[in-house]
């Protein structure tokens, strides 16, 4: 994580990075929820809201998993306000993960 005067940058978070996330490996929706839960915890520590997320990058090991990731992703946000998002296919994510998330959050 990097902080400046205006933003928090969280980069390259995957389920394989966290003990609880290891249980979710192989299930795209579960991995997405696990990574977003960690992001939520970090935002809470920084006293920031999910509503402050302005940009998210999601890397999937297989773009065919987009719908499962997207359904879990939408659960994380309140209402219909979502940050700008880019989703790409990135084979070979760390630890055999299927989802990696990077985000920029307004402070």
N, C-alpha and C. Protein backbone atom coordinates (compact mmCIF):
# COMPACT_ATOMS: atom_id res chain seq x y z
N UNK A 1 0.85 -1.17 0.00
CA UNK A 1 0.00 0.00 0.00
C UNK A 1 0.90 1.24 0.00
N UNK A 2 0.46 2.23 -0.75
CA UNK A 2 1.14 3.52 -0.81
C UNK A 2 0.09 4.59 -0.53
N UNK A 3 0.45 5.55 0.33
CA UNK A 3 -0.43 6.67 0.64
C UNK A 3 0.23 7.96 0.20
N UNK A 4 -0.57 8.84 -0.40
CA UNK A 4 -0.10 10.21 -0.60
C UNK A 4 -1.13 11.13 0.02
N UNK A 5 -1.04 12.42 -0.25
CA UNK A 5 -1.94 13.37 0.39
C UNK A 5 -3.40 13.20 -0.05
N UNK A 6 -3.62 12.56 -1.19
CA UNK A 6 -4.97 12.49 -1.74
C UNK A 6 -5.52 11.09 -1.93
N UNK A 7 -4.64 10.08 -2.06
CA UNK A 7 -5.10 8.73 -2.38
C UNK A 7 -4.36 7.66 -1.60
N UNK A 8 -5.05 6.53 -1.46
CA UNK A 8 -4.43 5.29 -1.00
C UNK A 8 -4.41 4.36 -2.20
N UNK A 9 -3.27 3.74 -2.46
CA UNK A 9 -3.11 2.82 -3.58
C UNK A 9 -2.86 1.43 -3.01
N UNK A 10 -3.74 0.50 -3.29
CA UNK A 10 -3.59 -0.89 -2.85
C UNK A 10 -3.34 -1.72 -4.09
N UNK A 11 -2.24 -2.45 -4.10
CA UNK A 11 -1.84 -3.12 -5.34
C UNK A 11 -1.66 -4.62 -5.16
N UNK A 12 -2.09 -5.35 -6.18
CA UNK A 12 -1.78 -6.76 -6.31
C UNK A 12 -2.26 -7.67 -5.20
N UNK A 13 -3.48 -7.49 -4.72
CA UNK A 13 -3.99 -8.33 -3.65
C UNK A 13 -4.64 -9.58 -4.24
N UNK A 14 -4.20 -10.75 -3.76
CA UNK A 14 -4.76 -12.03 -4.19
C UNK A 14 -5.10 -12.86 -2.96
N UNK A 15 -6.01 -13.80 -3.12
CA UNK A 15 -6.44 -14.64 -2.00
C UNK A 15 -5.26 -15.43 -1.41
N UNK A 16 -4.29 -15.80 -2.23
CA UNK A 16 -3.14 -16.58 -1.75
C UNK A 16 -2.28 -15.80 -0.77
N UNK A 17 -2.47 -14.48 -0.68
CA UNK A 17 -1.70 -13.65 0.25
C UNK A 17 -2.17 -13.79 1.70
N UNK A 18 -3.36 -14.34 1.92
CA UNK A 18 -3.96 -14.32 3.25
C UNK A 18 -4.37 -15.72 3.68
N UNK A 19 -4.11 -16.09 4.94
CA UNK A 19 -4.46 -17.45 5.40
C UNK A 19 -5.91 -17.84 5.13
N UNK A 20 -6.85 -16.94 5.40
CA UNK A 20 -8.25 -17.25 5.13
C UNK A 20 -8.53 -17.38 3.64
N UNK A 21 -7.78 -16.65 2.85
CA UNK A 21 -7.97 -16.69 1.41
C UNK A 21 -7.54 -18.01 0.79
N UNK A 22 -6.60 -18.70 1.43
CA UNK A 22 -6.12 -19.97 0.89
C UNK A 22 -7.26 -20.98 0.76
N UNK A 23 -8.24 -20.88 1.66
CA UNK A 23 -9.38 -21.80 1.63
C UNK A 23 -10.26 -21.56 0.40
N UNK A 24 -10.14 -20.40 -0.21
CA UNK A 24 -11.03 -20.04 -1.33
C UNK A 24 -10.41 -20.30 -2.69
N UNK A 25 -9.13 -20.64 -2.74
CA UNK A 25 -8.45 -20.80 -4.03
C UNK A 25 -9.19 -21.78 -4.93
N UNK A 26 -9.36 -21.37 -6.18
CA UNK A 26 -10.02 -22.21 -7.15
C UNK A 26 -11.46 -21.82 -7.42
N UNK A 27 -12.05 -21.00 -6.54
CA UNK A 27 -13.44 -20.54 -6.71
C UNK A 27 -13.38 -19.03 -6.93
N UNK A 28 -13.62 -18.59 -8.15
CA UNK A 28 -13.46 -17.18 -8.51
C UNK A 28 -14.30 -16.26 -7.64
N UNK A 29 -15.56 -16.59 -7.42
CA UNK A 29 -16.44 -15.74 -6.61
C UNK A 29 -15.92 -15.68 -5.17
N UNK A 30 -15.53 -16.81 -4.61
CA UNK A 30 -15.02 -16.84 -3.23
C UNK A 30 -13.72 -16.06 -3.12
N UNK A 31 -12.83 -16.20 -4.10
CA UNK A 31 -11.58 -15.44 -4.08
C UNK A 31 -11.87 -13.94 -4.16
N UNK A 32 -12.79 -13.56 -5.02
CA UNK A 32 -13.15 -12.14 -5.15
C UNK A 32 -13.65 -11.61 -3.82
N UNK A 33 -14.55 -12.33 -3.18
CA UNK A 33 -15.08 -11.91 -1.88
C UNK A 33 -13.96 -11.82 -0.84
N UNK A 34 -13.04 -12.78 -0.83
CA UNK A 34 -11.95 -12.79 0.14
C UNK A 34 -11.04 -11.57 -0.03
N UNK A 35 -10.68 -11.28 -1.27
CA UNK A 35 -9.80 -10.13 -1.52
C UNK A 35 -10.52 -8.84 -1.18
N UNK A 36 -11.78 -8.72 -1.56
CA UNK A 36 -12.53 -7.49 -1.25
C UNK A 36 -12.75 -7.34 0.25
N UNK A 37 -12.87 -8.43 0.98
CA UNK A 37 -12.99 -8.35 2.44
C UNK A 37 -11.72 -7.76 3.05
N UNK A 38 -10.56 -8.18 2.53
CA UNK A 38 -9.29 -7.62 3.01
C UNK A 38 -9.21 -6.14 2.65
N UNK A 39 -9.62 -5.80 1.45
CA UNK A 39 -9.63 -4.38 1.05
C UNK A 39 -10.55 -3.60 1.99
N UNK A 40 -11.71 -4.16 2.31
CA UNK A 40 -12.63 -3.51 3.25
C UNK A 40 -11.98 -3.29 4.60
N UNK A 41 -11.24 -4.29 5.09
CA UNK A 41 -10.54 -4.16 6.37
C UNK A 41 -9.48 -3.06 6.32
N UNK A 42 -8.74 -2.99 5.23
CA UNK A 42 -7.73 -1.94 5.07
C UNK A 42 -8.40 -0.57 5.04
N UNK A 43 -9.49 -0.45 4.30
CA UNK A 43 -10.21 0.83 4.25
C UNK A 43 -10.70 1.23 5.63
N UNK A 44 -11.21 0.26 6.40
CA UNK A 44 -11.65 0.55 7.77
C UNK A 44 -10.49 1.08 8.61
N UNK A 45 -9.32 0.44 8.50
CA UNK A 45 -8.14 0.89 9.24
C UNK A 45 -7.77 2.32 8.88
N UNK A 46 -7.94 2.66 7.61
CA UNK A 46 -7.60 4.00 7.13
C UNK A 46 -8.75 4.99 7.31
N UNK A 47 -9.85 4.51 7.87
CA UNK A 47 -11.06 5.32 8.06
C UNK A 47 -11.57 5.87 6.73
N UNK A 48 -11.57 4.99 5.72
CA UNK A 48 -12.07 5.35 4.40
C UNK A 48 -13.28 4.48 4.07
N UNK A 49 -14.13 4.99 3.21
CA UNK A 49 -15.34 4.28 2.81
C UNK A 49 -15.16 3.63 1.44
N UNK A 50 -15.91 2.59 1.20
CA UNK A 50 -15.92 1.97 -0.13
C UNK A 50 -16.36 2.97 -1.18
N UNK A 51 -17.17 3.94 -0.75
CA UNK A 51 -17.64 4.98 -1.66
C UNK A 51 -16.50 5.86 -2.15
N UNK A 52 -15.34 5.80 -1.47
CA UNK A 52 -14.18 6.59 -1.86
C UNK A 52 -13.31 5.90 -2.91
N UNK A 53 -13.64 4.65 -3.26
CA UNK A 53 -12.88 3.94 -4.28
C UNK A 53 -13.17 4.58 -5.63
N UNK A 54 -12.13 4.98 -6.32
CA UNK A 54 -12.33 5.65 -7.61
C UNK A 54 -11.90 4.80 -8.80
N UNK A 55 -10.99 3.87 -8.60
CA UNK A 55 -10.48 3.04 -9.71
C UNK A 55 -10.12 1.67 -9.19
N UNK A 56 -10.55 0.65 -9.91
CA UNK A 56 -10.23 -0.73 -9.57
C UNK A 56 -9.74 -1.44 -10.82
N UNK A 57 -8.69 -2.23 -10.65
CA UNK A 57 -8.21 -3.10 -11.73
C UNK A 57 -8.34 -4.53 -11.24
N UNK A 58 -9.02 -5.35 -12.02
CA UNK A 58 -9.19 -6.76 -11.69
C UNK A 58 -8.48 -7.58 -12.75
N UNK A 59 -7.60 -8.46 -12.31
CA UNK A 59 -6.90 -9.37 -13.20
C UNK A 59 -7.45 -10.76 -12.94
N UNK A 60 -7.92 -11.41 -13.98
CA UNK A 60 -8.43 -12.78 -13.89
C UNK A 60 -7.47 -13.72 -14.61
N UNK A 61 -7.24 -14.88 -14.03
CA UNK A 61 -6.38 -15.85 -14.73
C UNK A 61 -7.07 -16.37 -15.98
N UNK A 62 -8.41 -16.30 -16.00
CA UNK A 62 -9.18 -16.71 -17.17
C UNK A 62 -10.37 -15.77 -17.32
N UNK A 63 -10.41 -15.02 -18.39
CA UNK A 63 -11.47 -14.03 -18.60
C UNK A 63 -12.86 -14.68 -18.69
N UNK A 64 -12.91 -15.98 -18.91
CA UNK A 64 -14.20 -16.68 -18.91
C UNK A 64 -14.86 -16.65 -17.54
N UNK A 65 -14.09 -16.31 -16.49
CA UNK A 65 -14.62 -16.22 -15.12
C UNK A 65 -15.21 -14.85 -14.80
N UNK A 66 -15.32 -13.99 -15.81
CA UNK A 66 -15.77 -12.62 -15.58
C UNK A 66 -17.12 -12.55 -14.86
N UNK A 67 -18.12 -13.29 -15.31
CA UNK A 67 -19.46 -13.19 -14.72
C UNK A 67 -19.46 -13.57 -13.24
N UNK A 68 -18.75 -14.62 -12.87
CA UNK A 68 -18.68 -15.04 -11.47
C UNK A 68 -17.98 -13.98 -10.62
N UNK A 69 -16.88 -13.43 -11.15
CA UNK A 69 -16.18 -12.36 -10.43
C UNK A 69 -17.08 -11.14 -10.29
N UNK A 70 -17.73 -10.76 -11.38
CA UNK A 70 -18.55 -9.55 -11.39
C UNK A 70 -19.71 -9.64 -10.39
N UNK A 71 -20.34 -10.79 -10.29
CA UNK A 71 -21.45 -10.95 -9.34
C UNK A 71 -20.95 -10.77 -7.90
N UNK A 72 -19.81 -11.36 -7.57
CA UNK A 72 -19.25 -11.21 -6.22
C UNK A 72 -18.77 -9.78 -5.98
N UNK A 73 -18.18 -9.17 -6.99
CA UNK A 73 -17.68 -7.80 -6.92
C UNK A 73 -18.81 -6.84 -6.58
N UNK A 74 -19.95 -7.00 -7.22
CA UNK A 74 -21.09 -6.10 -7.02
C UNK A 74 -21.64 -6.17 -5.60
N UNK A 75 -21.46 -7.30 -4.92
CA UNK A 75 -21.92 -7.45 -3.54
C UNK A 75 -21.18 -6.50 -2.58
N UNK A 76 -19.98 -6.11 -2.95
CA UNK A 76 -19.11 -5.32 -2.08
C UNK A 76 -19.54 -3.86 -1.98
N UNK A 77 -20.24 -3.37 -2.99
CA UNK A 77 -20.56 -1.94 -3.07
C UNK A 77 -22.01 -1.66 -2.69
N UNK A 78 -22.24 -0.44 -2.22
CA UNK A 78 -23.58 -0.01 -1.83
C UNK A 78 -24.28 0.61 -3.03
N UNK A 79 -25.50 0.16 -3.29
CA UNK A 79 -26.27 0.78 -4.37
C UNK A 79 -25.68 0.52 -5.73
N UNK A 80 -25.84 1.49 -6.60
CA UNK A 80 -25.38 1.36 -7.98
C UNK A 80 -24.16 2.21 -8.29
N UNK A 81 -23.51 2.72 -7.26
CA UNK A 81 -22.32 3.55 -7.47
C UNK A 81 -21.07 2.67 -7.40
N UNK A 82 -20.43 2.49 -8.55
CA UNK A 82 -19.23 1.67 -8.62
C UNK A 82 -18.07 2.52 -9.10
N UNK A 83 -16.85 2.18 -8.66
CA UNK A 83 -15.69 2.89 -9.19
C UNK A 83 -15.44 2.48 -10.64
N UNK A 84 -14.65 3.27 -11.33
CA UNK A 84 -14.21 2.89 -12.67
C UNK A 84 -13.44 1.58 -12.54
N UNK A 85 -13.62 0.68 -13.50
CA UNK A 85 -12.96 -0.62 -13.39
C UNK A 85 -12.45 -1.09 -14.75
N UNK A 86 -11.28 -1.69 -14.70
CA UNK A 86 -10.70 -2.38 -15.85
C UNK A 86 -10.53 -3.84 -15.45
N UNK A 87 -10.92 -4.75 -16.32
CA UNK A 87 -10.75 -6.18 -16.06
C UNK A 87 -9.95 -6.77 -17.21
N UNK A 88 -8.88 -7.48 -16.87
CA UNK A 88 -8.02 -8.08 -17.89
C UNK A 88 -7.73 -9.54 -17.54
N UNK A 89 -7.29 -10.27 -18.55
CA UNK A 89 -6.85 -11.64 -18.32
C UNK A 89 -5.36 -11.63 -18.07
N UNK A 90 -4.96 -12.27 -16.97
CA UNK A 90 -3.55 -12.32 -16.58
C UNK A 90 -3.23 -13.73 -16.08
N UNK A 91 -2.87 -14.63 -16.97
CA UNK A 91 -2.55 -16.00 -16.54
C UNK A 91 -1.34 -16.00 -15.59
N UNK A 92 -1.29 -16.96 -14.71
CA UNK A 92 -0.13 -17.12 -13.84
C UNK A 92 -0.11 -16.19 -12.65
N UNK A 93 -1.27 -15.90 -12.06
CA UNK A 93 -1.30 -15.05 -10.87
C UNK A 93 -0.64 -15.76 -9.69
N UNK A 94 -0.15 -14.99 -8.73
CA UNK A 94 0.59 -15.51 -7.58
C UNK A 94 -0.20 -16.60 -6.83
N UNK A 95 0.49 -17.67 -6.49
CA UNK A 95 -0.06 -18.71 -5.63
C UNK A 95 -1.20 -19.51 -6.23
N UNK A 96 -1.35 -19.44 -7.54
CA UNK A 96 -2.46 -20.15 -8.16
C UNK A 96 -3.78 -19.44 -8.04
N UNK A 97 -3.75 -18.17 -7.65
CA UNK A 97 -4.97 -17.38 -7.53
C UNK A 97 -5.62 -17.19 -8.89
N UNK A 98 -6.92 -17.00 -8.88
CA UNK A 98 -7.67 -16.73 -10.10
C UNK A 98 -8.03 -15.26 -10.24
N UNK A 99 -7.89 -14.49 -9.13
CA UNK A 99 -8.29 -13.07 -9.11
C UNK A 99 -7.22 -12.26 -8.40
N UNK A 100 -6.85 -11.13 -9.00
CA UNK A 100 -5.96 -10.15 -8.35
C UNK A 100 -6.63 -8.79 -8.48
N UNK A 101 -6.64 -8.02 -7.38
CA UNK A 101 -7.32 -6.73 -7.40
C UNK A 101 -6.36 -5.64 -6.92
N UNK A 102 -6.36 -4.53 -7.65
CA UNK A 102 -5.62 -3.32 -7.34
C UNK A 102 -6.63 -2.18 -7.30
N UNK A 103 -6.47 -1.25 -6.37
CA UNK A 103 -7.44 -0.14 -6.35
C UNK A 103 -6.81 1.17 -5.88
N UNK A 104 -7.48 2.23 -6.25
CA UNK A 104 -7.12 3.59 -5.85
C UNK A 104 -8.31 4.16 -5.09
N UNK A 105 -8.03 4.70 -3.90
CA UNK A 105 -9.09 5.19 -3.02
C UNK A 105 -8.80 6.62 -2.61
N UNK A 106 -9.80 7.48 -2.78
CA UNK A 106 -9.66 8.90 -2.40
C UNK A 106 -9.64 8.99 -0.88
N UNK A 107 -8.68 9.77 -0.35
CA UNK A 107 -8.56 9.96 1.11
C UNK A 107 -9.34 11.17 1.56
